[in-house]
Amino acid sequence: MSPGDIGLQVTLGTEHPMRIRRSFAWPPRVRRRNVHAGFEGLPGRIGVYQGSTRIGAREIFVLIVFGRARPTDRQLQRTNEELRRARFG
């Protein structure tokens, strides 16, 4: 993964009983302080944002991987724009 890269994964699921509590409003706003390096199995130069919440009866899991430990303003802007475009039908 090069320093300018971003990997974004959004997973929807339904558990019975529900296990996830509502922890943020959709879409999440990813800020630099929410990105942490040293995620298990990844080199320290990689930054990761991870979160989960509920929307109605759905559980939403978000995993974002940045090509640098501290993402640039542009990387954060692009990530947040992409999350705002996500729709769950």
PDB file of N, CA and C in Angstrom:
ATOM      1  N   MET A   1       0.856  -1.161   0.000  1.00  0.00           N
ATOM      2  CA  MET A   1       0.000   0.000   0.000  1.00  0.00           C
ATOM      3  C   MET A   1       0.904   1.225   0.000  1.00  0.00           C
ATOM      4  N   SER A   2       0.694   2.097  -0.968  1.00  0.00           N
ATOM      5  CA  SER A   2       1.504   3.310  -1.030  1.00  0.00           C
ATOM      6  C   SER A   2       0.926   4.372  -0.089  1.00  0.00           C
ATOM      7  N   PRO A   3       1.720   5.380   0.276  1.00  0.00           N
ATOM      8  CA  PRO A   3       1.267   6.380   1.254  1.00  0.00           C
ATOM      9  C   PRO A   3      -0.020   7.109   0.874  1.00  0.00           C
ATOM     10  N   GLY A   4      -0.315   7.261  -0.409  1.00  0.00           N
ATOM     11  CA  GLY A   4      -1.512   7.979  -0.824  1.00  0.00           C
ATOM     12  C   GLY A   4      -2.766   7.126  -0.923  1.00  0.00           C
ATOM     13  N   ASP A   5      -2.638   5.822  -0.702  1.00  0.00           N
ATOM     14  CA  ASP A   5      -3.774   4.912  -0.862  1.00  0.00           C
ATOM     15  C   ASP A   5      -4.737   4.953   0.321  1.00  0.00           C
ATOM     16  N   ILE A   6      -5.990   4.589   0.024  1.00  0.00           N
ATOM     17  CA  ILE A   6      -7.045   4.459   1.030  1.00  0.00           C
ATOM     18  C   ILE A   6      -7.825   3.189   0.710  1.00  0.00           C
ATOM     19  N   GLY A   7      -8.042   2.353   1.696  1.00  0.00           N
ATOM     20  CA  GLY A   7      -8.912   1.189   1.550  1.00  0.00           C
ATOM     21  C   GLY A   7     -10.107   1.380   2.459  1.00  0.00           C
ATOM     22  N   LEU A   8     -11.310   1.203   1.918  1.00  0.00           N
ATOM     23  CA  LEU A   8     -12.523   1.454   2.690  1.00  0.00           C
ATOM     24  C   LEU A   8     -13.442   0.249   2.573  1.00  0.00           C
ATOM     25  N   GLN A   9     -13.887  -0.267   3.706  1.00  0.00           N
ATOM     26  CA  GLN A   9     -14.815  -1.403   3.723  1.00  0.00           C
ATOM     27  C   GLN A   9     -15.980  -1.062   4.648  1.00  0.00           C
ATOM     28  N   VAL A  10     -17.190  -1.199   4.128  1.00  0.00           N
ATOM     29  CA  VAL A  10     -18.404  -1.024   4.924  1.00  0.00           C
ATOM     30  C   VAL A  10     -19.172  -2.330   4.831  1.00  0.00           C
ATOM     31  N   THR A  11     -19.459  -2.929   5.973  1.00  0.00           N
ATOM     32  CA  THR A  11     -20.157  -4.206   6.034  1.00  0.00           C
ATOM     33  C   THR A  11     -21.483  -4.018   6.768  1.00  0.00           C
ATOM     34  N   LEU A  12     -22.554  -4.539   6.182  1.00  0.00           N
ATOM     35  CA  LEU A  12     -23.868  -4.503   6.815  1.00  0.00           C
ATOM     36  C   LEU A  12     -24.213  -5.903   7.275  1.00  0.00           C
ATOM     37  N   GLY A  13     -24.844  -5.985   8.428  1.00  0.00           N
ATOM     38  CA  GLY A  13     -25.251  -7.282   8.932  1.00  0.00           C
ATOM     39  C   GLY A  13     -26.476  -7.148   9.816  1.00  0.00           C
ATOM     40  N   THR A  14     -27.099  -8.275  10.082  1.00  0.00           N
ATOM     41  CA  THR A  14     -28.226  -8.331  10.997  1.00  0.00           C
ATOM     42  C   THR A  14     -28.006  -9.512  11.921  1.00  0.00           C
ATOM     43  N   GLU A  15     -27.931  -9.252  13.197  1.00  0.00           N
ATOM     44  CA  GLU A  15     -27.757 -10.298  14.204  1.00  0.00           C
ATOM     45  C   GLU A  15     -29.039 -10.420  15.007  1.00  0.00           C
ATOM     46  N   HIS A  16     -29.325 -11.600  15.456  1.00  0.00           N
ATOM     47  CA  HIS A  16     -30.465 -11.829  16.336  1.00  0.00           C
ATOM     48  C   HIS A  16     -29.960 -12.582  17.554  1.00  0.00           C
ATOM     49  N   PRO A  17     -29.879 -11.979  18.702  1.00  0.00           N
ATOM     50  CA  PRO A  17     -30.255 -10.598  19.012  1.00  0.00           C
ATOM     51  C   PRO A  17     -29.164  -9.626  18.547  1.00  0.00           C
ATOM     52  N   MET A  18     -29.542  -8.352  18.403  1.00  0.00           N
ATOM     53  CA  MET A  18     -28.582  -7.329  17.990  1.00  0.00           C
ATOM     54  C   MET A  18     -27.520  -7.161  19.067  1.00  0.00           C
ATOM     55  N   ARG A  19     -26.285  -7.045  18.631  1.00  0.00           N
ATOM     56  CA  ARG A  19     -25.167  -6.924  19.565  1.00  0.00           C
ATOM     57  C   ARG A  19     -24.533  -5.536  19.547  1.00  0.00           C
ATOM     58  N   ILE A  20     -24.758  -4.793  18.502  1.00  0.00           N
ATOM     59  CA  ILE A  20     -24.122  -3.483  18.339  1.00  0.00           C
ATOM     60  C   ILE A  20     -25.064  -2.396  18.828  1.00  0.00           C
ATOM     61  N   ARG A  21     -24.524  -1.461  19.576  1.00  0.00           N
ATOM     62  CA  ARG A  21     -25.290  -0.280  19.994  1.00  0.00           C
ATOM     63  C   ARG A  21     -24.996   0.861  19.035  1.00  0.00           C
ATOM     64  N   ARG A  22     -25.886   1.815  18.984  1.00  0.00           N
ATOM     65  CA  ARG A  22     -25.677   2.998  18.155  1.00  0.00           C
ATOM     66  C   ARG A  22     -24.541   3.815  18.758  1.00  0.00           C
ATOM     67  N   SER A  23     -23.412   3.879  18.057  1.00  0.00           N
ATOM     68  CA  SER A  23     -22.243   4.577  18.597  1.00  0.00           C
ATOM     69  C   SER A  23     -21.874   5.834  17.816  1.00  0.00           C
ATOM     70  N   PHE A  24     -22.395   5.993  16.603  1.00  0.00           N
ATOM     71  CA  PHE A  24     -22.214   7.231  15.848  1.00  0.00           C
ATOM     72  C   PHE A  24     -23.338   7.356  14.840  1.00  0.00           C
ATOM     73  N   ALA A  25     -23.612   8.579  14.426  1.00  0.00           N
ATOM     74  CA  ALA A  25     -24.622   8.821  13.394  1.00  0.00           C
ATOM     75  C   ALA A  25     -24.002   8.524  12.037  1.00  0.00           C
ATOM     76  N   TRP A  26     -24.834   8.077  11.114  1.00  0.00           N
ATOM     77  CA  TRP A  26     -24.335   7.809   9.760  1.00  0.00           C
ATOM     78  C   TRP A  26     -24.456   9.062   8.933  1.00  0.00           C
ATOM     79  N   PRO A  27     -23.462   9.407   8.150  1.00  0.00           N
ATOM     80  CA  PRO A  27     -22.159   8.755   8.023  1.00  0.00           C
ATOM     81  C   PRO A  27     -21.206   9.219   9.113  1.00  0.00           C
ATOM     82  N   PRO A  28     -20.251   8.378   9.480  1.00  0.00           N
ATOM     83  CA  PRO A  28     -19.267   8.818  10.467  1.00  0.00           C
ATOM     84  C   PRO A  28     -18.392   9.909   9.878  1.00  0.00           C
ATOM     85  N   ARG A  29     -17.886  10.759  10.703  1.00  0.00           N
ATOM     86  CA  ARG A  29     -16.938  11.802  10.278  1.00  0.00           C
ATOM     87  C   ARG A  29     -15.575  11.356  10.776  1.00  0.00           C
ATOM     88  N   VAL A  30     -14.725  10.910   9.851  1.00  0.00           N
ATOM     89  CA  VAL A  30     -13.401  10.415  10.209  1.00  0.00           C
ATOM     90  C   VAL A  30     -12.460  11.604  10.362  1.00  0.00           C
ATOM     91  N   ARG A  31     -11.863  11.700  11.523  1.00  0.00           N
ATOM     92  CA  ARG A  31     -10.891  12.761  11.818  1.00  0.00           C
ATOM     93  C   ARG A  31      -9.538  12.111  12.106  1.00  0.00           C
ATOM     94  N   ARG A  32      -8.510  12.889  11.967  1.00  0.00           N
ATOM     95  CA  ARG A  32      -7.158  12.374  12.164  1.00  0.00           C
ATOM     96  C   ARG A  32      -7.017  11.724  13.546  1.00  0.00           C
ATOM     97  N   ARG A  33      -7.633  12.301  14.562  1.00  0.00           N
ATOM     98  CA  ARG A  33      -7.495  11.754  15.921  1.00  0.00           C
ATOM     99  C   ARG A  33      -8.159  10.382  16.070  1.00  0.00           C
ATOM    100  N   ASN A  34      -9.030  10.008  15.115  1.00  0.00           N
ATOM    101  CA  ASN A  34      -9.694   8.699  15.151  1.00  0.00           C
ATOM    102  C   ASN A  34      -8.904   7.617  14.428  1.00  0.00           C
ATOM    103  N   VAL A  35      -7.809   7.995  13.784  1.00  0.00           N
ATOM    104  CA  VAL A  35      -6.996   7.048  13.016  1.00  0.00           C
ATOM    105  C   VAL A  35      -5.814   6.628  13.875  1.00  0.00           C
ATOM    106  N   HIS A  36      -5.607   5.311  13.983  1.00  0.00           N
ATOM    107  CA  HIS A  36      -4.546   4.781  14.837  1.00  0.00           C
ATOM    108  C   HIS A  36      -3.636   3.868  14.035  1.00  0.00           C
ATOM    109  N   ALA A  37      -2.344   4.003  14.277  1.00  0.00           N
ATOM    110  CA  ALA A  37      -1.357   3.131  13.632  1.00  0.00           C
ATOM    111  C   ALA A  37      -1.052   1.974  14.579  1.00  0.00           C
ATOM    112  N   GLY A  38      -0.446   0.942  14.023  1.00  0.00           N
ATOM    113  CA  GLY A  38      -0.080  -0.207  14.830  1.00  0.00           C
ATOM    114  C   GLY A  38      -1.204  -1.227  14.959  1.00  0.00           C
ATOM    115  N   PHE A  39      -2.111  -1.245  13.988  1.00  0.00           N
ATOM    116  CA  PHE A  39      -3.198  -2.221  13.973  1.00  0.00           C
ATOM    117  C   PHE A  39      -2.609  -3.614  13.821  1.00  0.00           C
ATOM    118  N   GLU A  40      -3.154  -4.581  14.519  1.00  0.00           N
ATOM    119  CA  GLU A  40      -2.615  -5.936  14.523  1.00  0.00           C
ATOM    120  C   GLU A  40      -2.432  -6.493  13.113  1.00  0.00           C
ATOM    121  N   GLY A  41      -1.224  -6.942  12.833  1.00  0.00           N
ATOM    122  CA  GLY A  41      -0.919  -7.558  11.549  1.00  0.00           C
ATOM    123  C   GLY A  41      -0.503  -6.583  10.461  1.00  0.00           C
ATOM    124  N   LEU A  42      -0.561  -5.280  10.735  1.00  0.00           N
ATOM    125  CA  LEU A  42      -0.169  -4.268   9.744  1.00  0.00           C
ATOM    126  C   LEU A  42       1.069  -3.522  10.231  1.00  0.00           C
ATOM    127  N   PRO A  43       1.903  -3.057   9.294  1.00  0.00           N
ATOM    128  CA  PRO A  43       3.074  -2.286   9.716  1.00  0.00           C
ATOM    129  C   PRO A  43       2.655  -0.961  10.362  1.00  0.00           C
ATOM    130  N   GLY A  44       3.513  -0.412  11.200  1.00  0.00           N
ATOM    131  CA  GLY A  44       3.233   0.829  11.913  1.00  0.00           C
ATOM    132  C   GLY A  44       3.040   2.033  11.022  1.00  0.00           C
ATOM    133  N   ARG A  45       3.421   1.951   9.753  1.00  0.00           N
ATOM    134  CA  ARG A  45       3.250   3.082   8.833  1.00  0.00           C
ATOM    135  C   ARG A  45       1.826   3.167   8.286  1.00  0.00           C
ATOM    136  N   ILE A  46       0.978   2.197   8.618  1.00  0.00           N
ATOM    137  CA  ILE A  46      -0.407   2.139   8.139  1.00  0.00           C
ATOM    138  C   ILE A  46      -1.336   2.649   9.242  1.00  0.00           C
ATOM    139  N   GLY A  47      -2.256   3.560   8.890  1.00  0.00           N
ATOM    140  CA  GLY A  47      -3.251   4.065   9.831  1.00  0.00           C
ATOM    141  C   GLY A  47      -4.596   3.402   9.597  1.00  0.00           C
ATOM    142  N   VAL A  48      -5.345   3.169  10.673  1.00  0.00           N
ATOM    143  CA  VAL A  48      -6.617   2.456  10.580  1.00  0.00           C
ATOM    144  C   VAL A  48      -7.692   3.193  11.374  1.00  0.00           C
ATOM    145  N   TYR A  49      -8.879   3.296  10.771  1.00  0.00           N
ATOM    146  CA  TYR A  49     -10.080   3.748  11.466  1.00  0.00           C
ATOM    147  C   TYR A  49     -11.028   2.562  11.493  1.00  0.00           C
ATOM    148  N   GLN A  50     -11.621   2.321  12.654  1.00  0.00           N
ATOM    149  CA  GLN A  50     -12.557   1.215  12.775  1.00  0.00           C
ATOM    150  C   GLN A  50     -13.727   1.675  13.640  1.00  0.00           C
ATOM    151  N   GLY A  51     -14.946   1.372  13.209  1.00  0.00           N
ATOM    152  CA  GLY A  51     -16.115   1.744  13.984  1.00  0.00           C
ATOM    153  C   GLY A  51     -17.300   0.874  13.637  1.00  0.00           C
ATOM    154  N   SER A  52     -18.293   0.880  14.527  1.00  0.00           N
ATOM    155  CA  SER A  52     -19.517   0.135  14.266  1.00  0.00           C
ATOM    156  C   SER A  52     -20.680   0.875  14.910  1.00  0.00           C
ATOM    157  N   THR A  53     -21.854   0.731  14.301  1.00  0.00           N
ATOM    158  CA  THR A  53     -23.060   1.371  14.804  1.00  0.00           C
ATOM    159  C   THR A  53     -24.276   0.632  14.281  1.00  0.00           C
ATOM    160  N   ARG A  54     -25.427   1.082  14.675  1.00  0.00           N
ATOM    161  CA  ARG A  54     -26.688   0.531  14.185  1.00  0.00           C
ATOM    162  C   ARG A  54     -27.430   1.580  13.395  1.00  0.00           C
ATOM    163  N   ILE A  55     -28.084   1.125  12.344  1.00  0.00           N
ATOM    164  CA  ILE A  55     -29.034   1.953  11.599  1.00  0.00           C
ATOM    165  C   ILE A  55     -30.289   1.105  11.484  1.00  0.00           C
ATOM    166  N   GLY A  56     -31.317   1.470  12.231  1.00  0.00           N
ATOM    167  CA  GLY A  56     -32.530   0.654  12.251  1.00  0.00           C
ATOM    168  C   GLY A  56     -32.197  -0.739  12.748  1.00  0.00           C
ATOM    169  N   ALA A  57     -32.537  -1.758  11.946  1.00  0.00           N
ATOM    170  CA  ALA A  57     -32.281  -3.148  12.317  1.00  0.00           C
ATOM    171  C   ALA A  57     -30.952  -3.659  11.766  1.00  0.00           C
ATOM    172  N   ARG A  58     -30.162  -2.790  11.160  1.00  0.00           N
ATOM    173  CA  ARG A  58     -28.892  -3.203  10.559  1.00  0.00           C
ATOM    174  C   ARG A  58     -27.715  -2.779  11.423  1.00  0.00           C
ATOM    175  N   GLU A  59     -26.714  -3.634  11.447  1.00  0.00           N
ATOM    176  CA  GLU A  59     -25.456  -3.318  12.096  1.00  0.00           C
ATOM    177  C   GLU A  59     -24.456  -2.948  11.002  1.00  0.00           C
ATOM    178  N   ILE A  60     -23.768  -1.842  11.206  1.00  0.00           N
ATOM    179  CA  ILE A  60     -22.830  -1.316  10.214  1.00  0.00           C
ATOM    180  C   ILE A  60     -21.420  -1.364  10.805  1.00  0.00           C
ATOM    181  N   PHE A  61     -20.501  -1.958  10.072  1.00  0.00           N
ATOM    182  CA  PHE A  61     -19.104  -2.024  10.472  1.00  0.00           C
ATOM    183  C   PHE A  61     -18.277  -1.278   9.428  1.00  0.00           C
ATOM    184  N   VAL A  62     -17.412  -0.390   9.877  1.00  0.00           N
ATOM    185  CA  VAL A  62     -16.592   0.425   8.979  1.00  0.00           C
ATOM    186  C   VAL A  62     -15.125   0.164   9.298  1.00  0.00           C
ATOM    187  N   LEU A  63     -14.348  -0.147   8.274  1.00  0.00           N
ATOM    188  CA  LEU A  63     -12.903  -0.317   8.404  1.00  0.00           C
ATOM    189  C   LEU A  63     -12.253   0.495   7.295  1.00  0.00           C
ATOM    190  N   ILE A  64     -11.395   1.414   7.670  1.00  0.00           N
ATOM    191  CA  ILE A  64     -10.688   2.241   6.695  1.00  0.00           C
ATOM    192  C   ILE A  64      -9.199   2.115   6.971  1.00  0.00           C
ATOM    193  N   VAL A  65      -8.435   1.850   5.921  1.00  0.00           N
ATOM    194  CA  VAL A  65      -6.994   1.692   6.029  1.00  0.00           C
ATOM    195  C   VAL A  65      -6.342   2.772   5.175  1.00  0.00           C
ATOM    196  N   PHE A  66      -5.431   3.519   5.778  1.00  0.00           N
ATOM    197  CA  PHE A  66      -4.706   4.584   5.080  1.00  0.00           C
ATOM    198  C   PHE A  66      -3.265   4.149   4.860  1.00  0.00           C
ATOM    199  N   GLY A  67      -2.676   4.581   3.776  1.00  0.00           N
ATOM    200  CA  GLY A  67      -1.306   4.233   3.433  1.00  0.00           C
ATOM    201  C   GLY A  67      -0.255   4.929   4.263  1.00  0.00           C
ATOM    202  N   ARG A  68      -0.660   5.685   5.253  1.00  0.00           N
ATOM    203  CA  ARG A  68       0.270   6.352   6.168  1.00  0.00           C
ATOM    204  C   ARG A  68      -0.356   6.393   7.559  1.00  0.00           C
ATOM    205  N   ALA A  69       0.484   6.469   8.571  1.00  0.00           N
ATOM    206  CA  ALA A  69       0.000   6.448   9.954  1.00  0.00           C
ATOM    207  C   ALA A  69      -0.890   7.650  10.254  1.00  0.00           C
ATOM    208  N   ARG A  70      -0.550   8.798   9.704  1.00  0.00           N
ATOM    209  CA  ARG A  70      -1.352  10.012   9.881  1.00  0.00           C
ATOM    210  C   ARG A  70      -1.832  10.454   8.511  1.00  0.00           C
ATOM    211  N   PRO A  71      -3.111  10.213   8.198  1.00  0.00           N
ATOM    212  CA  PRO A  71      -3.615  10.563   6.863  1.00  0.00           C
ATOM    213  C   PRO A  71      -3.553  12.065   6.613  1.00  0.00           C
ATOM    214  N   THR A  72      -3.407  12.408   5.352  1.00  0.00           N
ATOM    215  CA  THR A  72      -3.378  13.815   4.960  1.00  0.00           C
ATOM    216  C   THR A  72      -4.792  14.392   5.007  1.00  0.00           C
ATOM    217  N   ASP A  73      -4.874  15.711   4.966  1.00  0.00           N
ATOM    218  CA  ASP A  73      -6.184  16.367   4.902  1.00  0.00           C
ATOM    219  C   ASP A  73      -6.959  15.879   3.687  1.00  0.00           C
ATOM    220  N   ARG A  74      -6.277  15.724   2.564  1.00  0.00           N
ATOM    221  CA  ARG A  74      -6.931  15.272   1.337  1.00  0.00           C
ATOM    222  C   ARG A  74      -7.467  13.840   1.491  1.00  0.00           C
ATOM    223  N   GLN A  75      -6.699  12.963   2.105  1.00  0.00           N
ATOM    224  CA  GLN A  75      -7.172  11.592   2.314  1.00  0.00           C
ATOM    225  C   GLN A  75      -8.420  11.586   3.202  1.00  0.00           C
ATOM    226  N   LEU A  76      -8.421  12.377   4.249  1.00  0.00           N
ATOM    227  CA  LEU A  76      -9.590  12.458   5.126  1.00  0.00           C
ATOM    228  C   LEU A  76     -10.791  13.029   4.390  1.00  0.00           C
ATOM    229  N   GLN A  77     -10.561  14.052   3.579  1.00  0.00           N
ATOM    230  CA  GLN A  77     -11.645  14.654   2.798  1.00  0.00           C
ATOM    231  C   GLN A  77     -12.248  13.630   1.840  1.00  0.00           C
ATOM    232  N   ARG A  78     -11.406  12.911   1.110  1.00  0.00           N
ATOM    233  CA  ARG A  78     -11.894  11.902   0.165  1.00  0.00           C
ATOM    234  C   ARG A  78     -12.659  10.784   0.875  1.00  0.00           C
ATOM    235  N   THR A  79     -12.159  10.361   2.024  1.00  0.00           N
ATOM    236  CA  THR A  79     -12.822   9.311   2.797  1.00  0.00           C
ATOM    237  C   THR A  79     -14.203   9.758   3.248  1.00  0.00           C
ATOM    238  N   ASN A  80     -14.295  10.948   3.811  1.00  0.00           N
ATOM    239  CA  ASN A  80     -15.582  11.442   4.303  1.00  0.00           C
ATOM    240  C   ASN A  80     -16.564  11.690   3.163  1.00  0.00           C
ATOM    241  N   GLU A  81     -16.083  12.134   2.015  1.00  0.00           N
ATOM    242  CA  GLU A  81     -16.957  12.295   0.847  1.00  0.00           C
ATOM    243  C   GLU A  81     -17.534  10.948   0.418  1.00  0.00           C
ATOM    244  N   GLU A  82     -16.704   9.929   0.400  1.00  0.00           N
ATOM    245  CA  GLU A  82     -17.144   8.597  -0.010  1.00  0.00           C
ATOM    246  C   GLU A  82     -18.178   8.044   0.982  1.00  0.00           C
ATOM    247  N   LEU A  83     -17.939   8.216   2.255  1.00  0.00           N
ATOM    248  CA  LEU A  83     -18.905   7.743   3.253  1.00  0.00           C
ATOM    249  C   LEU A  83     -20.239   8.461   3.132  1.00  0.00           C
ATOM    250  N   ARG A  84     -20.224   9.751   2.811  1.00  0.00           N
ATOM    251  CA  ARG A  84     -21.476  10.499   2.627  1.00  0.00           C
ATOM    252  C   ARG A  84     -22.277   9.985   1.443  1.00  0.00           C
ATOM    253  N   ARG A  85     -21.601   9.421   0.445  1.00  0.00           N
ATOM    254  CA  ARG A  85     -22.286   8.901  -0.757  1.00  0.00           C
ATOM    255  C   ARG A  85     -22.873   7.509  -0.552  1.00  0.00           C
ATOM    256  N   ALA A  86     -22.487   6.820   0.505  1.00  0.00           N
ATOM    257  CA  ALA A  86     -22.957   5.450   0.725  1.00  0.00           C
ATOM    258  C   ALA A  86     -24.454   5.433   1.010  1.00  0.00           C
ATOM    259  N   ARG A  87     -25.153   4.521   0.371  1.00  0.00           N
ATOM    260  CA  ARG A  87     -26.598   4.350   0.552  1.00  0.00           C
ATOM    261  C   ARG A  87     -26.886   2.887   0.840  1.00  0.00           C
ATOM    262  N   PHE A  88     -27.813   2.659   1.742  1.00  0.00           N
ATOM    263  CA  PHE A  88     -28.218   1.305   2.102  1.00  0.00           C
ATOM    264  C   PHE A  88     -29.653   1.130   1.713  1.00  0.00           C
ATOM    265  N   GLY A  89     -29.905   0.377   0.646  1.00  0.00           N
ATOM    266  CA  GLY A  89     -31.213   0.216   0.063  1.00  0.00           C
ATOM    267  C   GLY A  89     -32.220  -0.560   0.810  1.00  0.00           C
TER     268      GLY A  89
END
